[in-house]
Amino acid sequence: MDAVSLNQNKLILKAYEEVENRLGHMPLLMDFIQQHSIDPSVIFSKFSNYYEFLVRYKKIDTLLTENESKNLVFFSRQIAPGLKRIDSLVLEELLKNELTYDELKNKMLNEVKDITEDDIDTSLRILDFSFYNAGIEKIYGSPIIERNERMIRLSDAFTNALSNQTFNMFLEDLIELSKYNNEKYQKGKNGLILYNKYSREDFSKIFNWNKNGSSVIMGYMIKSQEMPIFITYDKHEDISDSTKYEDEFLSQDELKWFTKSNRTLESKEVQKILSHRAKGIKMYIFVQKKDDDGIYFYYLGTAGYIEGSEKQDKMPNGSNVVTMDLALDKAVRDDIYRYLTN
């Protein structure tokens, strides 16, 4: 693993030097894209932010404060991927002026297609860090914005950071990268795109949950009218018997699925799942091939329980579990299906 990590660092450094030589100056992240070099996500897979890479390899003289560097980690991880177009637009608007909530809401709803007031609220929770669990400032620094009952404004710490020309340069680059990624991967939209990869946190943002659900969506969760199901197809042999679920594709449009352990056909949760259509609950299916794939899962679309397929069963440790077959609304694309099942 250390050798792989070292080789990837060398690849990033080589790409940097090639782009730097072409341009004649230090490249920014968008320069890598415009020069058809590595994707900036490769840099983020090894470094918390681009500035960290530049410091590591002595490519920059200007030093940022600890809080400024942590803020760049926030923008690199939470804004630059471009999951929702509205996030960068709300940020840009607040960089111009402090606004009342109604002023911001009306401006966004009038100028941006296909967004809701809930989308705006989620963007604000992301920027003031209330979307995240306590202690997130240790990673991301001070919140970007502050809110009271009337006004939304940039935080004092972030306002101070903006007075640093170098910080500003990196911020503008990350905002442009966010817009680029949103157009490329999300088609300029704020919702789920079939066969894109998403994390549990991404789902929480797209469906405007009040809090990041990555720590509470254990396999699946029913919240409001949404039921995301996250499946790891090939599980490690050393996992506990209580979590050895044998979820499997029966065909390209059918899936055998296990509930959590310690569930029976009479369990309140299971009854809710079996009647999900009548209750207006939509199932969203996400699958990754193996645990080593990290936090991201392919989105395979919506699905529904096949009536009469439910069975009471047992886990290897003897605990109760319910299995049922799910029908995907759209058959899985050939290449993705082969990758996941072979």
C-alpha atoms as a PDB file:
ATOM      1  CA  MET A   1       0.000   0.000   0.000  1.00  0.00           C
ATOM      2  CA  ASP A   2       2.866   2.388   0.806  1.00  0.00           C
ATOM      3  CA  ALA A   3       4.356   1.735  -2.652  1.00  0.00           C
ATOM      4  CA  VAL A   4       1.006   2.455  -4.325  1.00  0.00           C
ATOM      5  CA  SER A   5       0.679   5.681  -2.338  1.00  0.00           C
ATOM      6  CA  LEU A   6       4.209   6.751  -3.267  1.00  0.00           C
ATOM      7  CA  ASN A   7       3.606   6.008  -6.956  1.00  0.00           C
ATOM      8  CA  GLN A   8       0.419   8.076  -6.945  1.00  0.00           C
ATOM      9  CA  ASN A   9       2.269  10.997  -5.366  1.00  0.00           C
ATOM     10  CA  LYS A  10       4.887  10.731  -8.111  1.00  0.00           C
ATOM     11  CA  LEU A  11       2.146  10.694 -10.761  1.00  0.00           C
ATOM     12  CA  ILE A  12       0.613  13.880  -9.315  1.00  0.00           C
ATOM     13  CA  LEU A  13       3.996  15.600  -9.104  1.00  0.00           C
ATOM     14  CA  LYS A  14       4.852  14.622 -12.685  1.00  0.00           C
ATOM     15  CA  ALA A  15       1.489  15.934 -13.939  1.00  0.00           C
ATOM     16  CA  TYR A  16       2.022  19.169 -12.007  1.00  0.00           C
ATOM     17  CA  GLU A  17       5.469  19.743 -13.508  1.00  0.00           C
ATOM     18  CA  GLU A  18       4.226  19.020 -17.039  1.00  0.00           C
ATOM     19  CA  VAL A  19       1.387  21.554 -16.728  1.00  0.00           C
ATOM     20  CA  GLU A  20       3.667  24.075 -15.003  1.00  0.00           C
ATOM     21  CA  ASN A  21       6.186  23.808 -17.864  1.00  0.00           C
ATOM     22  CA  ARG A  22       3.463  24.345 -20.469  1.00  0.00           C
ATOM     23  CA  LEU A  23       2.025  27.395 -18.713  1.00  0.00           C
ATOM     24  CA  GLY A  24       5.230  28.902 -17.388  1.00  0.00           C
ATOM     25  CA  HIS A  25       3.731  29.426 -13.922  1.00  0.00           C
ATOM     26  CA  MET A  26       2.130  27.549 -11.022  1.00  0.00           C
ATOM     27  CA  PRO A  27      -1.043  25.860 -12.322  1.00  0.00           C
ATOM     28  CA  LEU A  28      -4.359  25.955 -10.525  1.00  0.00           C
ATOM     29  CA  LEU A  29      -6.781  23.034 -10.467  1.00  0.00           C
ATOM     30  CA  MET A  30      -8.752  24.213 -13.488  1.00  0.00           C
ATOM     31  CA  ASP A  31      -5.476  24.352 -15.426  1.00  0.00           C
ATOM     32  CA  PHE A  32      -5.122  20.570 -15.052  1.00  0.00           C
ATOM     33  CA  ILE A  33      -8.522  20.183 -16.722  1.00  0.00           C
ATOM     34  CA  GLN A  34      -7.874  22.726 -19.460  1.00  0.00           C
ATOM     35  CA  GLN A  35      -4.513  21.107 -20.218  1.00  0.00           C
ATOM     36  CA  HIS A  36      -6.099  17.625 -20.359  1.00  0.00           C
ATOM     37  CA  SER A  37      -3.966  16.442 -17.460  1.00  0.00           C
ATOM     38  CA  ILE A  38      -5.028  14.485 -14.354  1.00  0.00           C
ATOM     39  CA  ASP A  39      -8.409  15.121 -12.801  1.00  0.00           C
ATOM     40  CA  PRO A  40      -8.170  17.243  -9.626  1.00  0.00           C
ATOM     41  CA  SER A  41      -9.959  14.456  -7.746  1.00  0.00           C
ATOM     42  CA  VAL A  42      -6.709  12.471  -8.019  1.00  0.00           C
ATOM     43  CA  ILE A  43      -4.968  15.224  -6.049  1.00  0.00           C
ATOM     44  CA  PHE A  44      -7.769  15.264  -3.460  1.00  0.00           C
ATOM     45  CA  SER A  45      -7.470  11.485  -3.048  1.00  0.00           C
ATOM     46  CA  LYS A  46      -3.951  11.981  -1.686  1.00  0.00           C
ATOM     47  CA  PHE A  47      -3.972  15.486  -0.206  1.00  0.00           C
ATOM     48  CA  SER A  48      -6.562  17.315   1.897  1.00  0.00           C
ATOM     49  CA  ASN A  49      -6.360  20.286  -0.457  1.00  0.00           C
ATOM     50  CA  TYR A  50      -4.211  21.508  -3.346  1.00  0.00           C
ATOM     51  CA  TYR A  51      -2.343  23.926  -1.086  1.00  0.00           C
ATOM     52  CA  GLU A  52      -1.144  20.970   1.021  1.00  0.00           C
ATOM     53  CA  PHE A  53       0.354  19.379  -2.104  1.00  0.00           C
ATOM     54  CA  LEU A  54       2.091  22.626  -3.078  1.00  0.00           C
ATOM     55  CA  VAL A  55       3.612  23.008   0.394  1.00  0.00           C
ATOM     56  CA  ARG A  56       4.708  19.356   0.499  1.00  0.00           C
ATOM     57  CA  TYR A  57       6.698  19.741  -2.711  1.00  0.00           C
ATOM     58  CA  LYS A  58       7.844  23.312  -2.037  1.00  0.00           C
ATOM     59  CA  LYS A  59       5.927  24.743  -4.992  1.00  0.00           C
ATOM     60  CA  ILE A  60       4.600  27.785  -3.123  1.00  0.00           C
ATOM     61  CA  ASP A  61       6.218  30.427  -0.920  1.00  0.00           C
ATOM     62  CA  THR A  62       3.112  32.074   0.546  1.00  0.00           C
ATOM     63  CA  LEU A  63       1.892  30.361   3.701  1.00  0.00           C
ATOM     64  CA  LEU A  64      -1.740  30.256   4.780  1.00  0.00           C
ATOM     65  CA  THR A  65      -2.976  30.223   8.361  1.00  0.00           C
ATOM     66  CA  GLU A  66      -4.178  26.932   9.834  1.00  0.00           C
ATOM     67  CA  ASN A  67      -7.800  28.099   9.603  1.00  0.00           C
ATOM     68  CA  GLU A  68      -7.390  29.192   5.968  1.00  0.00           C
ATOM     69  CA  SER A  69      -5.932  25.805   5.051  1.00  0.00           C
ATOM     70  CA  LYS A  70      -8.769  23.999   6.869  1.00  0.00           C
ATOM     71  CA  ASN A  71     -11.339  26.141   5.043  1.00  0.00           C
ATOM     72  CA  LEU A  72      -9.736  25.020   1.775  1.00  0.00           C
ATOM     73  CA  VAL A  73     -10.191  21.410   2.925  1.00  0.00           C
ATOM     74  CA  PHE A  74     -13.905  22.191   3.347  1.00  0.00           C
ATOM     75  CA  PHE A  75     -14.219  23.713  -0.125  1.00  0.00           C
ATOM     76  CA  SER A  76     -12.187  20.886  -1.691  1.00  0.00           C
ATOM     77  CA  ARG A  77     -14.351  18.142  -0.166  1.00  0.00           C
ATOM     78  CA  GLN A  78     -17.771  19.734   0.090  1.00  0.00           C
ATOM     79  CA  ILE A  79     -18.071  22.304  -2.713  1.00  0.00           C
ATOM     80  CA  ALA A  80     -15.560  21.359  -5.453  1.00  0.00           C
ATOM     81  CA  PRO A  81     -17.182  17.971  -6.292  1.00  0.00           C
ATOM     82  CA  GLY A  82     -20.169  19.944  -7.629  1.00  0.00           C
ATOM     83  CA  LEU A  83     -22.831  17.649  -6.214  1.00  0.00           C
ATOM     84  CA  LYS A  84     -25.441  20.433  -6.190  1.00  0.00           C
ATOM     85  CA  ARG A  85     -25.195  23.491  -8.398  1.00  0.00           C
ATOM     86  CA  ILE A  86     -26.995  25.603  -5.814  1.00  0.00           C
ATOM     87  CA  ASP A  87     -24.123  25.308  -3.294  1.00  0.00           C
ATOM     88  CA  SER A  88     -21.634  27.328  -5.341  1.00  0.00           C
ATOM     89  CA  LEU A  89     -24.331  29.819  -6.409  1.00  0.00           C
ATOM     90  CA  VAL A  90     -25.379  30.551  -2.818  1.00  0.00           C
ATOM     91  CA  LEU A  91     -21.728  30.953  -1.857  1.00  0.00           C
ATOM     92  CA  GLU A  92     -21.060  33.372  -4.723  1.00  0.00           C
ATOM     93  CA  GLU A  93     -24.086  35.457  -3.790  1.00  0.00           C
ATOM     94  CA  LEU A  94     -22.960  35.747  -0.173  1.00  0.00           C
ATOM     95  CA  LEU A  95     -19.439  36.657  -1.274  1.00  0.00           C
ATOM     96  CA  LYS A  96     -20.959  39.776  -2.870  1.00  0.00           C
ATOM     97  CA  ASN A  97     -23.174  40.971   0.006  1.00  0.00           C
ATOM     98  CA  GLU A  98     -24.805  40.039   3.259  1.00  0.00           C
ATOM     99  CA  LEU A  99     -28.484  39.338   2.659  1.00  0.00           C
ATOM    100  CA  THR A 100     -31.674  38.621   4.499  1.00  0.00           C
ATOM    101  CA  TYR A 101     -32.952  35.079   4.109  1.00  0.00           C
ATOM    102  CA  ASP A 102     -35.884  36.291   1.994  1.00  0.00           C
ATOM    103  CA  GLU A 103     -33.575  38.297  -0.288  1.00  0.00           C
ATOM    104  CA  LEU A 104     -31.368  35.264  -0.892  1.00  0.00           C
ATOM    105  CA  LYS A 105     -34.313  32.893  -1.328  1.00  0.00           C
ATOM    106  CA  ASN A 106     -36.119  35.139  -3.821  1.00  0.00           C
ATOM    107  CA  LYS A 107     -32.957  35.770  -5.821  1.00  0.00           C
ATOM    108  CA  MET A 108     -32.091  32.071  -6.074  1.00  0.00           C
ATOM    109  CA  LEU A 109     -35.635  30.918  -6.877  1.00  0.00           C
ATOM    110  CA  ASN A 110     -36.003  33.588  -9.561  1.00  0.00           C
ATOM    111  CA  GLU A 111     -32.617  33.043 -11.203  1.00  0.00           C
ATOM    112  CA  VAL A 112     -31.968  29.300 -10.876  1.00  0.00           C
ATOM    113  CA  LYS A 113     -34.101  26.573 -12.465  1.00  0.00           C
ATOM    114  CA  ASP A 114     -35.082  23.327 -10.762  1.00  0.00           C
ATOM    115  CA  ILE A 115     -34.306  24.290  -7.177  1.00  0.00           C
ATOM    116  CA  THR A 116     -36.477  24.485  -4.091  1.00  0.00           C
ATOM    117  CA  GLU A 117     -36.387  26.458  -0.877  1.00  0.00           C
ATOM    118  CA  ASP A 118     -35.210  23.241   0.808  1.00  0.00           C
ATOM    119  CA  ASP A 119     -32.170  23.180  -1.517  1.00  0.00           C
ATOM    120  CA  ILE A 120     -31.272  26.710  -0.421  1.00  0.00           C
ATOM    121  CA  ASP A 121     -31.696  25.783   3.249  1.00  0.00           C
ATOM    122  CA  THR A 122     -29.382  22.783   2.825  1.00  0.00           C
ATOM    123  CA  SER A 123     -26.715  24.950   1.184  1.00  0.00           C
ATOM    124  CA  LEU A 124     -26.877  27.334   4.138  1.00  0.00           C
ATOM    125  CA  ARG A 125     -26.581  24.449   6.622  1.00  0.00           C
ATOM    126  CA  ILE A 126     -23.511  23.232   4.739  1.00  0.00           C
ATOM    127  CA  LEU A 127     -21.909  26.687   4.796  1.00  0.00           C
ATOM    128  CA  ASP A 128     -22.608  27.337   8.490  1.00  0.00           C
ATOM    129  CA  PHE A 129     -21.585  23.717   9.316  1.00  0.00           C
ATOM    130  CA  SER A 130     -24.872  22.904  11.110  1.00  0.00           C
ATOM    131  CA  PHE A 131     -25.345  20.080   8.566  1.00  0.00           C
ATOM    132  CA  TYR A 132     -22.351  18.269  10.083  1.00  0.00           C
ATOM    133  CA  ASN A 133     -21.763  16.571  13.412  1.00  0.00           C
ATOM    134  CA  ALA A 134     -20.161  18.403  16.327  1.00  0.00           C
ATOM    135  CA  GLY A 135     -16.401  18.831  16.091  1.00  0.00           C
ATOM    136  CA  ILE A 136     -16.273  19.344  12.317  1.00  0.00           C
ATOM    137  CA  GLU A 137     -14.329  22.602  12.841  1.00  0.00           C
ATOM    138  CA  LYS A 138     -11.274  20.493  13.722  1.00  0.00           C
ATOM    139  CA  ILE A 139     -11.234  19.419  10.076  1.00  0.00           C
ATOM    140  CA  TYR A 140     -12.832  22.355   8.236  1.00  0.00           C
ATOM    141  CA  GLY A 141     -11.909  25.347  10.412  1.00  0.00           C
ATOM    142  CA  SER A 142     -14.366  28.111  11.263  1.00  0.00           C
ATOM    143  CA  PRO A 143     -17.789  28.120   9.537  1.00  0.00           C
ATOM    144  CA  ILE A 144     -18.035  30.077   6.287  1.00  0.00           C
ATOM    145  CA  ILE A 145     -21.211  31.977   7.140  1.00  0.00           C
ATOM    146  CA  GLU A 146     -23.109  33.174  10.200  1.00  0.00           C
ATOM    147  CA  ARG A 147     -26.891  33.479  10.471  1.00  0.00           C
ATOM    148  CA  ASN A 148     -29.319  35.081  12.836  1.00  0.00           C
ATOM    149  CA  GLU A 149     -33.073  35.509  12.571  1.00  0.00           C
ATOM    150  CA  ARG A 150     -32.664  38.262   9.997  1.00  0.00           C
ATOM    151  CA  MET A 151     -29.310  38.314   8.223  1.00  0.00           C
ATOM    152  CA  ILE A 152     -26.935  35.907   6.521  1.00  0.00           C
ATOM    153  CA  ARG A 153     -23.340  37.092   6.350  1.00  0.00           C
ATOM    154  CA  LEU A 154     -19.806  35.782   5.979  1.00  0.00           C
ATOM    155  CA  SER A 155     -18.186  34.820   9.280  1.00  0.00           C
ATOM    156  CA  ASP A 156     -15.450  37.081  10.659  1.00  0.00           C
ATOM    157  CA  ALA A 157     -12.824  34.343  10.260  1.00  0.00           C
ATOM    158  CA  PHE A 158     -13.770  33.748   6.624  1.00  0.00           C
ATOM    159  CA  THR A 159     -13.867  37.502   5.928  1.00  0.00           C
ATOM    160  CA  ASN A 160     -10.321  37.724   7.292  1.00  0.00           C
ATOM    161  CA  ALA A 161      -9.252  34.828   5.063  1.00  0.00           C
ATOM    162  CA  LEU A 162     -10.604  36.643   2.004  1.00  0.00           C
ATOM    163  CA  SER A 163      -8.141  39.474   2.637  1.00  0.00           C
ATOM    164  CA  ASN A 164      -5.377  36.994   1.770  1.00  0.00           C
ATOM    165  CA  GLN A 165      -4.863  37.152  -1.995  1.00  0.00           C
ATOM    166  CA  THR A 166      -3.471  33.608  -2.137  1.00  0.00           C
ATOM    167  CA  PHE A 167      -6.460  32.173  -0.268  1.00  0.00           C
ATOM    168  CA  ASN A 168      -8.779  34.077  -2.591  1.00  0.00           C
ATOM    169  CA  MET A 169      -7.028  32.619  -5.626  1.00  0.00           C
ATOM    170  CA  PHE A 170      -7.505  29.052  -4.380  1.00  0.00           C
ATOM    171  CA  LEU A 171     -11.138  29.738  -3.424  1.00  0.00           C
ATOM    172  CA  GLU A 172     -12.073  31.118  -6.847  1.00  0.00           C
ATOM    173  CA  ASP A 173     -10.398  28.119  -8.476  1.00  0.00           C
ATOM    174  CA  LEU A 174     -12.411  25.692  -6.318  1.00  0.00           C
ATOM    175  CA  ILE A 175     -15.676  27.479  -7.126  1.00  0.00           C
ATOM    176  CA  GLU A 176     -14.930  27.194 -10.849  1.00  0.00           C
ATOM    177  CA  LEU A 177     -14.075  23.520 -10.367  1.00  0.00           C
ATOM    178  CA  SER A 178     -17.407  23.015  -8.590  1.00  0.00           C
ATOM    179  CA  LYS A 179     -19.317  24.470 -11.545  1.00  0.00           C
ATOM    180  CA  TYR A 180     -17.303  22.380 -14.006  1.00  0.00           C
ATOM    181  CA  ASN A 181     -17.884  19.152 -12.063  1.00  0.00           C
ATOM    182  CA  ASN A 182     -21.589  19.861 -11.669  1.00  0.00           C
ATOM    183  CA  GLU A 183     -22.005  20.290 -15.423  1.00  0.00           C
ATOM    184  CA  LYS A 184     -19.855  17.271 -16.256  1.00  0.00           C
ATOM    185  CA  TYR A 185     -21.161  14.762 -13.732  1.00  0.00           C
ATOM    186  CA  GLN A 186     -24.507  16.118 -12.545  1.00  0.00           C
ATOM    187  CA  LYS A 187     -25.672  17.596 -15.882  1.00  0.00           C
ATOM    188  CA  GLY A 188     -26.090  20.968 -14.155  1.00  0.00           C
ATOM    189  CA  LYS A 189     -28.684  19.525 -11.792  1.00  0.00           C
ATOM    190  CA  ASN A 190     -29.143  18.943  -8.059  1.00  0.00           C
ATOM    191  CA  GLY A 191     -30.522  15.371  -8.079  1.00  0.00           C
ATOM    192  CA  LEU A 192     -29.399  11.774  -8.485  1.00  0.00           C
ATOM    193  CA  ILE A 193     -28.012  10.733 -11.874  1.00  0.00           C
ATOM    194  CA  LEU A 194     -28.289   7.064 -12.851  1.00  0.00           C
ATOM    195  CA  TYR A 195     -24.939   5.186 -12.565  1.00  0.00           C
ATOM    196  CA  ASN A 196     -23.099   8.069 -10.938  1.00  0.00           C
ATOM    197  CA  LYS A 197     -21.381   7.250  -7.661  1.00  0.00           C
ATOM    198  CA  TYR A 198     -22.697   8.716  -4.418  1.00  0.00           C
ATOM    199  CA  SER A 199     -21.993   8.473  -0.704  1.00  0.00           C
ATOM    200  CA  ARG A 200     -24.493   8.362   2.136  1.00  0.00           C
ATOM    201  CA  GLU A 201     -23.613  11.990   2.840  1.00  0.00           C
ATOM    202  CA  ASP A 202     -24.352  12.889  -0.786  1.00  0.00           C
ATOM    203  CA  PHE A 203     -27.812  11.353  -0.468  1.00  0.00           C
ATOM    204  CA  SER A 204     -28.437  13.403   2.678  1.00  0.00           C
ATOM    205  CA  LYS A 205     -27.565  16.588   0.792  1.00  0.00           C
ATOM    206  CA  ILE A 206     -29.554  15.818  -2.342  1.00  0.00           C
ATOM    207  CA  PHE A 207     -32.691  15.038  -0.327  1.00  0.00           C
ATOM    208  CA  ASN A 208     -32.160  18.012   1.980  1.00  0.00           C
ATOM    209  CA  TRP A 209     -31.891  16.183   5.270  1.00  0.00           C
ATOM    210  CA  ASN A 210     -31.205  18.454   8.235  1.00  0.00           C
ATOM    211  CA  LYS A 211     -28.082  16.493   9.147  1.00  0.00           C
ATOM    212  CA  ASN A 212     -25.441  14.397   7.431  1.00  0.00           C
ATOM    213  CA  GLY A 213     -26.875  10.863   7.510  1.00  0.00           C
ATOM    214  CA  SER A 214     -23.637   8.996   6.800  1.00  0.00           C
ATOM    215  CA  SER A 215     -23.338   7.762  10.396  1.00  0.00           C
ATOM    216  CA  VAL A 216     -26.978   6.653  10.718  1.00  0.00           C
ATOM    217  CA  ILE A 217     -27.746   5.004   7.339  1.00  0.00           C
ATOM    218  CA  MET A 218     -26.574   1.518   8.303  1.00  0.00           C
ATOM    219  CA  GLY A 219     -27.423  -0.432   5.153  1.00  0.00           C
ATOM    220  CA  TYR A 220     -30.727   1.376   4.740  1.00  0.00           C
ATOM    221  CA  MET A 221     -32.944   3.919   6.429  1.00  0.00           C
ATOM    222  CA  ILE A 222     -36.525   5.096   6.090  1.00  0.00           C
ATOM    223  CA  LYS A 223     -36.773   8.847   6.511  1.00  0.00           C
ATOM    224  CA  SER A 224     -39.809  10.801   5.428  1.00  0.00           C
ATOM    225  CA  GLN A 225     -40.683   9.468   1.954  1.00  0.00           C
ATOM    226  CA  GLU A 226     -37.167   8.242   1.088  1.00  0.00           C
ATOM    227  CA  MET A 227     -35.557   4.873   1.667  1.00  0.00           C
ATOM    228  CA  PRO A 228     -31.944   4.714   0.500  1.00  0.00           C
ATOM    229  CA  ILE A 229     -30.508   1.168   0.392  1.00  0.00           C
ATOM    230  CA  PHE A 230     -26.704   0.830   0.318  1.00  0.00           C
ATOM    231  CA  ILE A 231     -25.379  -2.616  -0.604  1.00  0.00           C
ATOM    232  CA  THR A 232     -21.794  -3.909  -0.619  1.00  0.00           C
ATOM    233  CA  TYR A 233     -21.922  -6.856  -3.021  1.00  0.00           C
ATOM    234  CA  ASP A 234     -18.770  -8.779  -2.039  1.00  0.00           C
ATOM    235  CA  LYS A 235     -18.307  -8.580   1.712  1.00  0.00           C
ATOM    236  CA  HIS A 236     -15.131  -9.396   3.625  1.00  0.00           C
ATOM    237  CA  GLU A 237     -15.046 -12.906   5.071  1.00  0.00           C
ATOM    238  CA  ASP A 238     -14.104 -11.566   8.514  1.00  0.00           C
ATOM    239  CA  ILE A 239     -17.257  -9.494   9.107  1.00  0.00           C
ATOM    240  CA  SER A 240     -19.499 -10.514  12.004  1.00  0.00           C
ATOM    241  CA  ASP A 241     -22.146 -13.200  11.471  1.00  0.00           C
ATOM    242  CA  SER A 242     -24.854 -10.671  12.346  1.00  0.00           C
ATOM    243  CA  THR A 243     -23.993  -8.597   9.244  1.00  0.00           C
ATOM    244  CA  LYS A 244     -23.285 -11.367   6.700  1.00  0.00           C
ATOM    245  CA  TYR A 245     -26.170 -10.369   4.444  1.00  0.00           C
ATOM    246  CA  GLU A 246     -26.221 -12.307   1.181  1.00  0.00           C
ATOM    247  CA  ASP A 247     -27.786  -9.634  -1.014  1.00  0.00           C
ATOM    248  CA  GLU A 248     -27.513 -10.716  -4.645  1.00  0.00           C
ATOM    249  CA  PHE A 249     -28.728  -9.912  -8.129  1.00  0.00           C
ATOM    250  CA  LEU A 250     -31.226 -12.459  -9.434  1.00  0.00           C
ATOM    251  CA  SER A 251     -31.095 -10.775 -12.840  1.00  0.00           C
ATOM    252  CA  GLN A 252     -30.260  -7.343 -14.227  1.00  0.00           C
ATOM    253  CA  ASP A 253     -33.526  -5.977 -12.893  1.00  0.00           C
ATOM    254  CA  GLU A 254     -34.157  -8.060  -9.766  1.00  0.00           C
ATOM    255  CA  LEU A 255     -32.326  -8.195  -6.463  1.00  0.00           C
ATOM    256  CA  LYS A 256     -32.601 -10.468  -3.432  1.00  0.00           C
ATOM    257  CA  TRP A 257     -32.322  -8.200  -0.417  1.00  0.00           C
ATOM    258  CA  PHE A 258     -31.923  -8.693   3.343  1.00  0.00           C
ATOM    259  CA  THR A 259     -33.326  -6.419   6.037  1.00  0.00           C
ATOM    260  CA  LYS A 260     -31.239  -5.684   9.128  1.00  0.00           C
ATOM    261  CA  SER A 261     -30.868  -8.590  11.541  1.00  0.00           C
ATOM    262  CA  ASN A 262     -33.268  -9.054  14.466  1.00  0.00           C
ATOM    263  CA  ARG A 263     -36.257  -8.347  12.224  1.00  0.00           C
ATOM    264  CA  THR A 264     -39.334 -10.501  11.617  1.00  0.00           C
ATOM    265  CA  LEU A 265     -42.251 -10.246   9.205  1.00  0.00           C
ATOM    266  CA  GLU A 266     -44.220  -8.681  12.061  1.00  0.00           C
ATOM    267  CA  SER A 267     -41.613  -5.989  12.794  1.00  0.00           C
ATOM    268  CA  LYS A 268     -42.994  -2.481  12.415  1.00  0.00           C
ATOM    269  CA  GLU A 269     -40.115  -1.491  10.121  1.00  0.00           C
ATOM    270  CA  VAL A 270     -40.608  -4.535   7.869  1.00  0.00           C
ATOM    271  CA  GLN A 271     -44.350  -3.880   7.626  1.00  0.00           C
ATOM    272  CA  LYS A 272     -43.546  -0.340   6.544  1.00  0.00           C
ATOM    273  CA  ILE A 273     -41.185  -1.634   3.839  1.00  0.00           C
ATOM    274  CA  LEU A 274     -43.726  -4.166   2.557  1.00  0.00           C
ATOM    275  CA  SER A 275     -46.316  -1.395   2.206  1.00  0.00           C
ATOM    276  CA  HIS A 276     -43.872   1.218   0.875  1.00  0.00           C
ATOM    277  CA  ARG A 277     -45.886   1.911  -2.286  1.00  0.00           C
ATOM    278  CA  ALA A 278     -49.097   2.596  -0.382  1.00  0.00           C
ATOM    279  CA  LYS A 279     -47.204   4.874   1.994  1.00  0.00           C
ATOM    280  CA  GLY A 280     -45.513   6.755  -0.869  1.00  0.00           C
ATOM    281  CA  ILE A 281     -42.002   5.682   0.178  1.00  0.00           C
ATOM    282  CA  LYS A 282     -39.480   5.451  -2.682  1.00  0.00           C
ATOM    283  CA  MET A 283     -36.583   2.983  -2.566  1.00  0.00           C
ATOM    284  CA  TYR A 284     -33.245   4.177  -3.982  1.00  0.00           C
ATOM    285  CA  ILE A 285     -30.689   1.453  -4.699  1.00  0.00           C
ATOM    286  CA  PHE A 286     -26.933   2.005  -4.339  1.00  0.00           C
ATOM    287  CA  VAL A 287     -24.399  -0.801  -4.838  1.00  0.00           C
ATOM    288  CA  GLN A 288     -20.619  -1.027  -4.534  1.00  0.00           C
ATOM    289  CA  LYS A 289     -18.602  -4.089  -5.468  1.00  0.00           C
ATOM    290  CA  LYS A 290     -16.531  -4.454  -2.277  1.00  0.00           C
ATOM    291  CA  ASP A 291     -15.710  -2.759   1.023  1.00  0.00           C
ATOM    292  CA  ASP A 292     -12.409  -1.508  -0.401  1.00  0.00           C
ATOM    293  CA  ASP A 293     -14.396   0.806  -2.717  1.00  0.00           C
ATOM    294  CA  GLY A 294     -14.715   3.235   0.186  1.00  0.00           C
ATOM    295  CA  ILE A 295     -17.722   5.482   0.717  1.00  0.00           C
ATOM    296  CA  TYR A 296     -19.034   5.604  -2.867  1.00  0.00           C
ATOM    297  CA  PHE A 297     -21.760   3.428  -4.411  1.00  0.00           C
ATOM    298  CA  TYR A 298     -23.235   3.253  -7.920  1.00  0.00           C
ATOM    299  CA  TYR A 299     -26.765   4.618  -8.052  1.00  0.00           C
ATOM    300  CA  LEU A 300     -28.886   1.999  -9.844  1.00  0.00           C
ATOM    301  CA  GLY A 301     -32.208   3.793  -9.711  1.00  0.00           C
ATOM    302  CA  THR A 302     -35.449   3.236  -7.841  1.00  0.00           C
ATOM    303  CA  ALA A 303     -36.964  -0.135  -6.996  1.00  0.00           C
ATOM    304  CA  GLY A 304     -40.025  -1.765  -5.487  1.00  0.00           C
ATOM    305  CA  TYR A 305     -40.725  -4.816  -3.347  1.00  0.00           C
ATOM    306  CA  ILE A 306     -42.107  -7.800  -5.300  1.00  0.00           C
ATOM    307  CA  GLU A 307     -45.286  -8.877  -3.517  1.00  0.00           C
ATOM    308  CA  GLY A 308     -45.200 -12.387  -2.086  1.00  0.00           C
ATOM    309  CA  SER A 309     -41.391 -12.652  -2.188  1.00  0.00           C
ATOM    310  CA  GLU A 310     -40.860 -11.881   1.518  1.00  0.00           C
ATOM    311  CA  LYS A 311     -39.518 -14.707   3.709  1.00  0.00           C
ATOM    312  CA  GLN A 312     -38.592 -15.116   7.350  1.00  0.00           C
ATOM    313  CA  ASP A 313     -34.988 -16.344   7.531  1.00  0.00           C
ATOM    314  CA  LYS A 314     -32.002 -16.699   9.855  1.00  0.00           C
ATOM    315  CA  MET A 315     -28.545 -15.125   9.858  1.00  0.00           C
ATOM    316  CA  PRO A 316     -25.453 -17.353  10.403  1.00  0.00           C
ATOM    317  CA  ASN A 317     -25.520 -16.394  14.097  1.00  0.00           C
ATOM    318  CA  GLY A 318     -29.161 -17.496  14.409  1.00  0.00           C
ATOM    319  CA  SER A 319     -30.742 -14.040  14.581  1.00  0.00           C
ATOM    320  CA  ASN A 320     -33.932 -13.341  12.655  1.00  0.00           C
ATOM    321  CA  VAL A 321     -33.869 -11.553   9.315  1.00  0.00           C
ATOM    322  CA  VAL A 322     -36.379 -10.965   6.520  1.00  0.00           C
ATOM    323  CA  THR A 323     -35.495 -11.398   2.850  1.00  0.00           C
ATOM    324  CA  MET A 324     -37.437 -10.132  -0.129  1.00  0.00           C
ATOM    325  CA  ASP A 325     -36.970  -9.554  -3.836  1.00  0.00           C
ATOM    326  CA  LEU A 326     -36.803  -6.043  -5.217  1.00  0.00           C
ATOM    327  CA  ALA A 327     -37.584  -5.116  -8.824  1.00  0.00           C
ATOM    328  CA  LEU A 328     -35.493  -2.293 -10.233  1.00  0.00           C
ATOM    329  CA  ASP A 329     -37.482   0.193 -12.285  1.00  0.00           C
ATOM    330  CA  LYS A 330     -34.727   0.064 -14.906  1.00  0.00           C
ATOM    331  CA  ALA A 331     -32.463  -2.902 -15.707  1.00  0.00           C
ATOM    332  CA  VAL A 332     -28.836  -2.303 -14.724  1.00  0.00           C
ATOM    333  CA  ARG A 333     -26.612  -1.267 -17.610  1.00  0.00           C
ATOM    334  CA  ASP A 334     -24.586  -4.228 -18.959  1.00  0.00           C
ATOM    335  CA  ASP A 335     -21.088  -2.992 -18.099  1.00  0.00           C
ATOM    336  CA  ILE A 336     -22.007  -1.973 -14.536  1.00  0.00           C
ATOM    337  CA  TYR A 337     -23.856  -5.252 -13.952  1.00  0.00           C
ATOM    338  CA  ARG A 338     -20.884  -7.316 -15.150  1.00  0.00           C
ATOM    339  CA  TYR A 339     -18.482  -5.304 -13.001  1.00  0.00           C
ATOM    340  CA  LEU A 340     -20.559  -5.697  -9.844  1.00  0.00           C
ATOM    341  CA  THR A 341     -21.349  -9.404 -10.249  1.00  0.00           C
ATOM    342  CA  ASN A 342     -18.159 -10.870 -11.772  1.00  0.00           C
END
